[in-house]
PDB file of all heavy atoms in Angstrom:
ATOM      1  N   HIS A   1       5.214  -5.686  14.615  1.00  0.00           N
ATOM      2  CA  HIS A   1       4.540  -4.394  14.760  1.00  0.00           C
ATOM      3  C   HIS A   1       3.313  -4.257  13.849  1.00  0.00           C
ATOM      4  O   HIS A   1       3.218  -3.326  13.042  1.00  0.00           O
ATOM      5  CB  HIS A   1       5.520  -3.250  14.475  1.00  0.00           C
ATOM      6  CG  HIS A   1       6.726  -3.262  15.352  1.00  0.00           C
ATOM      7  ND1 HIS A   1       6.656  -3.002  16.709  1.00  0.00           N
ATOM      8  CD2 HIS A   1       8.031  -3.526  15.068  1.00  0.00           C
ATOM      9  CE1 HIS A   1       7.870  -3.091  17.230  1.00  0.00           C
ATOM     10  NE2 HIS A   1       8.720  -3.417  16.262  1.00  0.00           N
ATOM     11  N   PRO A   2       2.357  -5.159  13.995  1.00  0.00           N
ATOM     12  CA  PRO A   2       1.147  -5.062  13.162  1.00  0.00           C
ATOM     13  C   PRO A   2       0.350  -3.789  13.429  1.00  0.00           C
ATOM     14  O   PRO A   2      -0.426  -3.353  12.579  1.00  0.00           O
ATOM     15  CB  PRO A   2       0.351  -6.313  13.553  1.00  0.00           C
ATOM     16  CG  PRO A   2       0.852  -6.677  14.914  1.00  0.00           C
ATOM     17  CD  PRO A   2       2.305  -6.287  14.927  1.00  0.00           C
ATOM     18  N   GLU A   3       0.565  -3.194  14.612  1.00  0.00           N
ATOM     19  CA  GLU A   3      -0.171  -1.975  14.947  1.00  0.00           C
ATOM     20  C   GLU A   3       0.193  -0.799  14.050  1.00  0.00           C
ATOM     21  O   GLU A   3      -0.547   0.195  13.959  1.00  0.00           O
ATOM     22  CB  GLU A   3       0.070  -1.592  16.412  1.00  0.00           C
ATOM     23  CG  GLU A   3       1.457  -1.076  16.738  1.00  0.00           C
ATOM     24  CD  GLU A   3       2.520  -2.162  16.884  1.00  0.00           C
ATOM     25  OE1 GLU A   3       2.160  -3.361  16.764  1.00  0.00           O
ATOM     26  OE2 GLU A   3       3.694  -1.823  17.125  1.00  0.00           O
ATOM     27  N   SER A   4       1.340  -0.882  13.365  1.00  0.00           N
ATOM     28  CA  SER A   4       1.759   0.223  12.496  1.00  0.00           C
ATOM     29  C   SER A   4       1.191   0.101  11.084  1.00  0.00           C
ATOM     30  O   SER A   4       1.404   0.994  10.246  1.00  0.00           O
ATOM     31  CB  SER A   4       3.282   0.313  12.436  1.00  0.00           C
ATOM     32  OG  SER A   4       3.819  -0.829  11.791  1.00  0.00           O
ATOM     33  N   LEU A   5       0.489  -0.985  10.804  1.00  0.00           N
ATOM     34  CA  LEU A   5      -0.147  -1.146   9.496  1.00  0.00           C
ATOM     35  C   LEU A   5      -1.471  -0.384   9.513  1.00  0.00           C
ATOM     36  O   LEU A   5      -2.522  -0.922   9.844  1.00  0.00           O
ATOM     37  CB  LEU A   5      -0.369  -2.630   9.200  1.00  0.00           C
ATOM     38  CG  LEU A   5       0.900  -3.477   9.045  1.00  0.00           C
ATOM     39  CD1 LEU A   5       0.574  -4.965   9.104  1.00  0.00           C
ATOM     40  CD2 LEU A   5       1.605  -3.131   7.727  1.00  0.00           C
ATOM     41  N   LYS A   6      -1.414   0.876   9.128  1.00  0.00           N
ATOM     42  CA  LYS A   6      -2.561   1.779   9.316  1.00  0.00           C
ATOM     43  C   LYS A   6      -3.216   2.263   8.033  1.00  0.00           C
ATOM     44  O   LYS A   6      -4.320   2.807   8.072  1.00  0.00           O
ATOM     45  CB  LYS A   6      -2.101   3.001  10.120  1.00  0.00           C
ATOM     46  CG  LYS A   6      -1.598   2.674  11.517  1.00  0.00           C
ATOM     47  CD  LYS A   6      -1.141   3.950  12.225  1.00  0.00           C
ATOM     48  CE  LYS A   6      -0.638   3.651  13.623  1.00  0.00           C
ATOM     49  NZ  LYS A   6      -0.178   4.879  14.315  1.00  0.00           N
ATOM     50  N   PHE A   7      -2.558   2.097   6.895  1.00  0.00           N
ATOM     51  CA  PHE A   7      -3.035   2.735   5.669  1.00  0.00           C
ATOM     52  C   PHE A   7      -3.523   1.673   4.682  1.00  0.00           C
ATOM     53  O   PHE A   7      -2.741   0.865   4.193  1.00  0.00           O
ATOM     54  CB  PHE A   7      -1.924   3.592   5.051  1.00  0.00           C
ATOM     55  CG  PHE A   7      -1.429   4.655   5.992  1.00  0.00           C
ATOM     56  CD1 PHE A   7      -0.354   4.410   6.839  1.00  0.00           C
ATOM     57  CD2 PHE A   7      -2.052   5.892   6.046  1.00  0.00           C
ATOM     58  CE1 PHE A   7       0.099   5.389   7.714  1.00  0.00           C
ATOM     59  CE2 PHE A   7      -1.612   6.873   6.921  1.00  0.00           C
ATOM     60  CZ  PHE A   7      -0.535   6.620   7.757  1.00  0.00           C
ATOM     61  N   LYS A   8      -4.826   1.722   4.405  1.00  0.00           N
ATOM     62  CA  LYS A   8      -5.441   0.701   3.559  1.00  0.00           C
ATOM     63  C   LYS A   8      -5.190   0.991   2.085  1.00  0.00           C
ATOM     64  O   LYS A   8      -5.420   2.096   1.611  1.00  0.00           O
ATOM     65  CB  LYS A   8      -6.937   0.635   3.822  1.00  0.00           C
ATOM     66  CG  LYS A   8      -7.612  -0.569   3.174  1.00  0.00           C
ATOM     67  CD  LYS A   8      -9.074  -0.678   3.583  1.00  0.00           C
ATOM     68  CE  LYS A   8      -9.721  -1.917   2.965  1.00  0.00           C
ATOM     69  NZ  LYS A   8     -11.140  -2.041   3.382  1.00  0.00           N
ATOM     70  N   THR A   9      -4.738  -0.034   1.365  1.00  0.00           N
ATOM     71  CA  THR A   9      -4.453   0.095  -0.060  1.00  0.00           C
ATOM     72  C   THR A   9      -5.686  -0.254  -0.892  1.00  0.00           C
ATOM     73  O   THR A   9      -6.683  -0.760  -0.375  1.00  0.00           O
ATOM     74  CB  THR A   9      -3.297  -0.842  -0.468  1.00  0.00           C
ATOM     75  OG1 THR A   9      -3.767  -2.197  -0.377  1.00  0.00           O
ATOM     76  CG2 THR A   9      -2.092  -0.651   0.437  1.00  0.00           C
ATOM     77  N   SER A  10      -5.584  -0.008  -2.181  1.00  0.00           N
ATOM     78  CA  SER A  10      -6.680  -0.363  -3.085  1.00  0.00           C
ATOM     79  C   SER A  10      -6.870  -1.872  -3.162  1.00  0.00           C
ATOM     80  O   SER A  10      -7.937  -2.355  -3.528  1.00  0.00           O
ATOM     81  CB  SER A  10      -6.413   0.200  -4.482  1.00  0.00           C
ATOM     82  OG  SER A  10      -5.193  -0.313  -4.995  1.00  0.00           O
ATOM     83  N   GLY A  11      -5.824  -2.632  -2.790  1.00  0.00           N
ATOM     84  CA  GLY A  11      -5.924  -4.091  -2.778  1.00  0.00           C
ATOM     85  C   GLY A  11      -6.550  -4.650  -1.519  1.00  0.00           C
ATOM     86  O   GLY A  11      -6.752  -5.862  -1.410  1.00  0.00           O
ATOM     87  N   GLY A  12      -6.838  -3.790  -0.552  1.00  0.00           N
ATOM     88  CA  GLY A  12      -7.529  -4.217   0.660  1.00  0.00           C
ATOM     89  C   GLY A  12      -6.634  -4.532   1.835  1.00  0.00           C
ATOM     90  O   GLY A  12      -7.123  -4.758   2.946  1.00  0.00           O
ATOM     91  N   TYR A  13      -5.324  -4.577   1.656  1.00  0.00           N
ATOM     92  CA  TYR A  13      -4.412  -4.816   2.766  1.00  0.00           C
ATOM     93  C   TYR A  13      -3.876  -3.469   3.276  1.00  0.00           C
ATOM     94  O   TYR A  13      -4.170  -2.410   2.708  1.00  0.00           O
ATOM     95  CB  TYR A  13      -3.255  -5.735   2.345  1.00  0.00           C
ATOM     96  CG  TYR A  13      -2.532  -5.280   1.124  1.00  0.00           C
ATOM     97  CD1 TYR A  13      -1.449  -4.415   1.203  1.00  0.00           C
ATOM     98  CD2 TYR A  13      -2.934  -5.719  -0.143  1.00  0.00           C
ATOM     99  CE1 TYR A  13      -0.791  -3.977   0.070  1.00  0.00           C
ATOM    100  CE2 TYR A  13      -2.282  -5.287  -1.286  1.00  0.00           C
ATOM    101  CZ  TYR A  13      -1.217  -4.419  -1.174  1.00  0.00           C
ATOM    102  OH  TYR A  13      -0.580  -3.982  -2.297  1.00  0.00           O
ATOM    103  N   PHE A  14      -3.068  -3.521   4.334  1.00  0.00           N
ATOM    104  CA  PHE A  14      -2.604  -2.287   4.959  1.00  0.00           C
ATOM    105  C   PHE A  14      -1.087  -2.162   4.861  1.00  0.00           C
ATOM    106  O   PHE A  14      -0.362  -3.165   4.949  1.00  0.00           O
ATOM    107  CB  PHE A  14      -3.019  -2.251   6.435  1.00  0.00           C
ATOM    108  CG  PHE A  14      -4.501  -2.091   6.629  1.00  0.00           C
ATOM    109  CD1 PHE A  14      -5.349  -3.185   6.577  1.00  0.00           C
ATOM    110  CD2 PHE A  14      -5.051  -0.833   6.853  1.00  0.00           C
ATOM    111  CE1 PHE A  14      -6.723  -3.039   6.747  1.00  0.00           C
ATOM    112  CE2 PHE A  14      -6.417  -0.674   7.026  1.00  0.00           C
ATOM    113  CZ  PHE A  14      -7.250  -1.776   6.970  1.00  0.00           C
ATOM    114  N   VAL A  15      -0.619  -0.932   4.695  1.00  0.00           N
ATOM    115  CA  VAL A  15       0.810  -0.637   4.697  1.00  0.00           C
ATOM    116  C   VAL A  15       1.118   0.320   5.839  1.00  0.00           C
ATOM    117  O   VAL A  15       0.212   0.796   6.528  1.00  0.00           O
ATOM    118  CB  VAL A  15       1.256  -0.035   3.340  1.00  0.00           C
ATOM    119  CG1 VAL A  15       1.079  -1.057   2.220  1.00  0.00           C
ATOM    120  CG2 VAL A  15       0.482   1.237   3.028  1.00  0.00           C
ATOM    121  N   ARG A  16       2.410   0.613   6.041  1.00  0.00           N
ATOM    122  CA  ARG A  16       2.824   1.284   7.271  1.00  0.00           C
ATOM    123  C   ARG A  16       2.939   2.812   7.170  1.00  0.00           C
ATOM    124  O   ARG A  16       3.113   3.476   8.183  1.00  0.00           O
ATOM    125  CB  ARG A  16       4.169   0.714   7.743  1.00  0.00           C
ATOM    126  CG  ARG A  16       4.108  -0.781   8.020  1.00  0.00           C
ATOM    127  CD  ARG A  16       5.440  -1.353   8.464  1.00  0.00           C
ATOM    128  NE  ARG A  16       5.406  -2.806   8.514  1.00  0.00           N
ATOM    129  CZ  ARG A  16       5.005  -3.505   9.562  1.00  0.00           C
ATOM    130  NH1 ARG A  16       4.613  -2.895  10.656  1.00  0.00           N
ATOM    131  NH2 ARG A  16       4.993  -4.827   9.525  1.00  0.00           N
ATOM    132  N   SER A  17       2.883   3.360   5.985  1.00  0.00           N
ATOM    133  CA  SER A  17       3.049   4.806   5.868  1.00  0.00           C
ATOM    134  C   SER A  17       2.320   5.327   4.644  1.00  0.00           C
ATOM    135  O   SER A  17       1.986   4.569   3.723  1.00  0.00           O
ATOM    136  CB  SER A  17       4.532   5.170   5.774  1.00  0.00           C
ATOM    137  OG  SER A  17       5.072   4.746   4.530  1.00  0.00           O
ATOM    138  N   LYS A  18       2.090   6.635   4.621  1.00  0.00           N
ATOM    139  CA  LYS A  18       1.453   7.262   3.463  1.00  0.00           C
ATOM    140  C   LYS A  18       2.351   7.152   2.233  1.00  0.00           C
ATOM    141  O   LYS A  18       1.859   7.014   1.111  1.00  0.00           O
ATOM    142  CB  LYS A  18       1.155   8.728   3.767  1.00  0.00           C
ATOM    143  CG  LYS A  18       0.033   8.927   4.778  1.00  0.00           C
ATOM    144  CD  LYS A  18      -0.252  10.405   4.990  1.00  0.00           C
ATOM    145  CE  LYS A  18      -1.393  10.598   5.988  1.00  0.00           C
ATOM    146  NZ  LYS A  18      -1.674  12.034   6.233  1.00  0.00           N
ATOM    147  N   SER A  19       3.660   7.216   2.457  1.00  0.00           N
ATOM    148  CA  SER A  19       4.590   7.100   1.329  1.00  0.00           C
ATOM    149  C   SER A  19       4.525   5.708   0.705  1.00  0.00           C
ATOM    150  O   SER A  19       4.537   5.563  -0.521  1.00  0.00           O
ATOM    151  CB  SER A  19       6.014   7.415   1.788  1.00  0.00           C
ATOM    152  OG  SER A  19       6.116   8.759   2.184  1.00  0.00           O
ATOM    153  N   GLU A  20       4.458   4.682   1.550  1.00  0.00           N
ATOM    154  CA  GLU A  20       4.303   3.322   1.017  1.00  0.00           C
ATOM    155  C   GLU A  20       2.978   3.187   0.286  1.00  0.00           C
ATOM    156  O   GLU A  20       2.889   2.482  -0.727  1.00  0.00           O
ATOM    157  CB  GLU A  20       4.387   2.302   2.154  1.00  0.00           C
ATOM    158  CG  GLU A  20       5.777   2.125   2.727  1.00  0.00           C
ATOM    159  CD  GLU A  20       5.856   1.034   3.770  1.00  0.00           C
ATOM    160  OE1 GLU A  20       4.786   0.547   4.216  1.00  0.00           O
ATOM    161  OE2 GLU A  20       6.977   0.663   4.151  1.00  0.00           O
ATOM    162  N   LEU A  21       1.949   3.865   0.773  1.00  0.00           N
ATOM    163  CA  LEU A  21       0.648   3.838   0.105  1.00  0.00           C
ATOM    164  C   LEU A  21       0.748   4.447  -1.288  1.00  0.00           C
ATOM    165  O   LEU A  21       0.163   3.934  -2.251  1.00  0.00           O
ATOM    166  CB  LEU A  21      -0.380   4.602   0.947  1.00  0.00           C
ATOM    167  CG  LEU A  21      -1.809   4.639   0.406  1.00  0.00           C
ATOM    168  CD1 LEU A  21      -2.388   3.228   0.310  1.00  0.00           C
ATOM    169  CD2 LEU A  21      -2.689   5.515   1.284  1.00  0.00           C
ATOM    170  N   ILE A  22       1.503   5.529  -1.415  1.00  0.00           N
ATOM    171  CA  ILE A  22       1.697   6.160  -2.720  1.00  0.00           C
ATOM    172  C   ILE A  22       2.402   5.200  -3.679  1.00  0.00           C
ATOM    173  O   ILE A  22       1.982   5.019  -4.828  1.00  0.00           O
ATOM    174  CB  ILE A  22       2.508   7.453  -2.571  1.00  0.00           C
ATOM    175  CG1 ILE A  22       1.679   8.517  -1.836  1.00  0.00           C
ATOM    176  CG2 ILE A  22       2.950   7.973  -3.933  1.00  0.00           C
ATOM    177  CD1 ILE A  22       2.472   9.752  -1.456  1.00  0.00           C
ATOM    178  N   ILE A  23       3.485   4.569  -3.204  1.00  0.00           N
ATOM    179  CA  ILE A  23       4.224   3.622  -4.048  1.00  0.00           C
ATOM    180  C   ILE A  23       3.324   2.458  -4.446  1.00  0.00           C
ATOM    181  O   ILE A  23       3.271   2.051  -5.611  1.00  0.00           O
ATOM    182  CB  ILE A  23       5.486   3.115  -3.326  1.00  0.00           C
ATOM    183  CG1 ILE A  23       6.455   4.277  -3.062  1.00  0.00           C
ATOM    184  CG2 ILE A  23       6.176   2.024  -4.146  1.00  0.00           C
ATOM    185  CD1 ILE A  23       7.633   3.906  -2.181  1.00  0.00           C
ATOM    186  N   ASP A  24       2.594   1.941  -3.464  1.00  0.00           N
ATOM    187  CA  ASP A  24       1.686   0.822  -3.707  1.00  0.00           C
ATOM    188  C   ASP A  24       0.653   1.183  -4.776  1.00  0.00           C
ATOM    189  O   ASP A  24       0.397   0.411  -5.709  1.00  0.00           O
ATOM    190  CB  ASP A  24       0.986   0.442  -2.400  1.00  0.00           C
ATOM    191  CG  ASP A  24       0.194  -0.852  -2.506  1.00  0.00           C
ATOM    192  OD1 ASP A  24      -0.903  -0.812  -3.113  1.00  0.00           O
ATOM    193  OD2 ASP A  24       0.649  -1.884  -1.993  1.00  0.00           O
ATOM    194  N   ASN A  25       0.051   2.357  -4.648  1.00  0.00           N
ATOM    195  CA  ASN A  25      -0.976   2.777  -5.607  1.00  0.00           C
ATOM    196  C   ASN A  25      -0.408   2.910  -7.017  1.00  0.00           C
ATOM    197  O   ASN A  25      -1.040   2.503  -7.997  1.00  0.00           O
ATOM    198  CB  ASN A  25      -1.582   4.113  -5.173  1.00  0.00           C
ATOM    199  CG  ASN A  25      -2.595   3.941  -4.055  1.00  0.00           C
ATOM    200  OD1 ASN A  25      -3.158   2.866  -3.868  1.00  0.00           O
ATOM    201  ND2 ASN A  25      -2.824   5.001  -3.300  1.00  0.00           N
ATOM    202  N   LEU A  26       0.792   3.482  -7.125  1.00  0.00           N
ATOM    203  CA  LEU A  26       1.392   3.663  -8.445  1.00  0.00           C
ATOM    204  C   LEU A  26       1.806   2.338  -9.075  1.00  0.00           C
ATOM    205  O   LEU A  26       1.710   2.159 -10.286  1.00  0.00           O
ATOM    206  CB  LEU A  26       2.578   4.617  -8.353  1.00  0.00           C
ATOM    207  CG  LEU A  26       2.201   6.079  -8.081  1.00  0.00           C
ATOM    208  CD1 LEU A  26       3.445   6.926  -7.831  1.00  0.00           C
ATOM    209  CD2 LEU A  26       1.418   6.652  -9.262  1.00  0.00           C
ATOM    210  N   LEU A  27       2.256   1.393  -8.254  1.00  0.00           N
ATOM    211  CA  LEU A  27       2.558   0.054  -8.779  1.00  0.00           C
ATOM    212  C   LEU A  27       1.279  -0.613  -9.277  1.00  0.00           C
ATOM    213  O   LEU A  27       1.268  -1.258 -10.332  1.00  0.00           O
ATOM    214  CB  LEU A  27       3.209  -0.806  -7.693  1.00  0.00           C
ATOM    215  CG  LEU A  27       4.629  -0.421  -7.263  1.00  0.00           C
ATOM    216  CD1 LEU A  27       5.057  -1.267  -6.071  1.00  0.00           C
ATOM    217  CD2 LEU A  27       5.619  -0.583  -8.404  1.00  0.00           C
ATOM    218  N   SER A  28       0.202  -0.445  -8.527  1.00  0.00           N
ATOM    219  CA  SER A  28      -1.084  -1.046  -8.914  1.00  0.00           C
ATOM    220  C   SER A  28      -1.636  -0.410 -10.182  1.00  0.00           C
ATOM    221  O   SER A  28      -2.107  -1.108 -11.084  1.00  0.00           O
ATOM    222  CB  SER A  28      -2.099  -0.899  -7.773  1.00  0.00           C
ATOM    223  OG  SER A  28      -1.695  -1.599  -6.619  1.00  0.00           O
ATOM    224  N   ILE A  29      -1.589   0.915 -10.246  1.00  0.00           N
ATOM    225  CA  ILE A  29      -2.110   1.629 -11.412  1.00  0.00           C
ATOM    226  C   ILE A  29      -1.374   1.203 -12.685  1.00  0.00           C
ATOM    227  O   ILE A  29      -1.976   1.085 -13.759  1.00  0.00           O
ATOM    228  CB  ILE A  29      -1.999   3.151 -11.193  1.00  0.00           C
ATOM    229  CG1 ILE A  29      -3.037   3.609 -10.156  1.00  0.00           C
ATOM    230  CG2 ILE A  29      -2.182   3.912 -12.496  1.00  0.00           C
ATOM    231  CD1 ILE A  29      -2.861   5.028  -9.692  1.00  0.00           C
ATOM    232  N   ASN A  30      -0.080   0.940 -12.547  1.00  0.00           N
ATOM    233  CA  ASN A  30       0.716   0.510 -13.702  1.00  0.00           C
ATOM    234  C   ASN A  30       0.664  -0.997 -13.927  1.00  0.00           C
ATOM    235  O   ASN A  30       1.419  -1.527 -14.748  1.00  0.00           O
ATOM    236  CB  ASN A  30       2.161   0.976 -13.534  1.00  0.00           C
ATOM    237  CG  ASN A  30       2.321   2.459 -13.794  1.00  0.00           C
ATOM    238  OD1 ASN A  30       2.302   2.896 -14.937  1.00  0.00           O
ATOM    239  ND2 ASN A  30       2.456   3.238 -12.731  1.00  0.00           N
ATOM    240  N   LYS A  31      -0.208  -1.689 -13.166  1.00  0.00           N
ATOM    241  CA  LYS A  31      -0.458  -3.123 -13.318  1.00  0.00           C
ATOM    242  C   LYS A  31       0.829  -3.951 -13.210  1.00  0.00           C
ATOM    243  O   LYS A  31       1.044  -4.897 -13.974  1.00  0.00           O
ATOM    244  CB  LYS A  31      -1.191  -3.405 -14.633  1.00  0.00           C
ATOM    245  CG  LYS A  31      -2.538  -2.707 -14.733  1.00  0.00           C
ATOM    246  CD  LYS A  31      -3.351  -3.204 -15.905  1.00  0.00           C
ATOM    247  CE  LYS A  31      -2.795  -2.759 -17.229  1.00  0.00           C
ATOM    248  NZ  LYS A  31      -2.913  -1.306 -17.446  1.00  0.00           N
ATOM    249  N   LEU A  32       1.671  -3.587 -12.264  1.00  0.00           N
ATOM    250  CA  LEU A  32       2.902  -4.342 -12.044  1.00  0.00           C
ATOM    251  C   LEU A  32       2.661  -5.424 -10.992  1.00  0.00           C
ATOM    252  O   LEU A  32       2.038  -5.160  -9.962  1.00  0.00           O
ATOM    253  CB  LEU A  32       4.020  -3.413 -11.577  1.00  0.00           C
ATOM    254  CG  LEU A  32       4.472  -2.365 -12.595  1.00  0.00           C
ATOM    255  CD1 LEU A  32       5.469  -1.412 -11.966  1.00  0.00           C
ATOM    256  CD2 LEU A  32       5.088  -3.035 -13.819  1.00  0.00           C
ATOM    257  N   PRO A  33       3.139  -6.651 -11.217  1.00  0.00           N
ATOM    258  CA  PRO A  33       2.982  -7.718 -10.224  1.00  0.00           C
ATOM    259  C   PRO A  33       3.955  -7.501  -9.059  1.00  0.00           C
ATOM    260  O   PRO A  33       5.168  -7.421  -9.269  1.00  0.00           O
ATOM    261  CB  PRO A  33       3.320  -8.980 -11.005  1.00  0.00           C
ATOM    262  CG  PRO A  33       4.198  -8.517 -12.125  1.00  0.00           C
ATOM    263  CD  PRO A  33       3.793  -7.114 -12.444  1.00  0.00           C
ATOM    264  N   PHE A  34       3.428  -7.417  -7.840  1.00  0.00           N
ATOM    265  CA  PHE A  34       4.303  -7.165  -6.698  1.00  0.00           C
ATOM    266  C   PHE A  34       3.706  -7.738  -5.429  1.00  0.00           C
ATOM    267  O   PHE A  34       2.510  -8.065  -5.357  1.00  0.00           O
ATOM    268  CB  PHE A  34       4.556  -5.661  -6.537  1.00  0.00           C
ATOM    269  CG  PHE A  34       3.350  -4.873  -6.085  1.00  0.00           C
ATOM    270  CD1 PHE A  34       3.138  -4.606  -4.727  1.00  0.00           C
ATOM    271  CD2 PHE A  34       2.426  -4.395  -6.995  1.00  0.00           C
ATOM    272  CE1 PHE A  34       2.030  -3.887  -4.306  1.00  0.00           C
ATOM    273  CE2 PHE A  34       1.321  -3.665  -6.591  1.00  0.00           C
ATOM    274  CZ  PHE A  34       1.117  -3.418  -5.237  1.00  0.00           C
TER     275      PHE A  34
END
């Protein structure tokens, strides 16, 4: 289901929901490797 990857992260890739985008951003801001 690549069509559901709609939300672009600060890392340049896409995630599937706004909630995942929030988690992704907070992991990035805290410089956690993931």
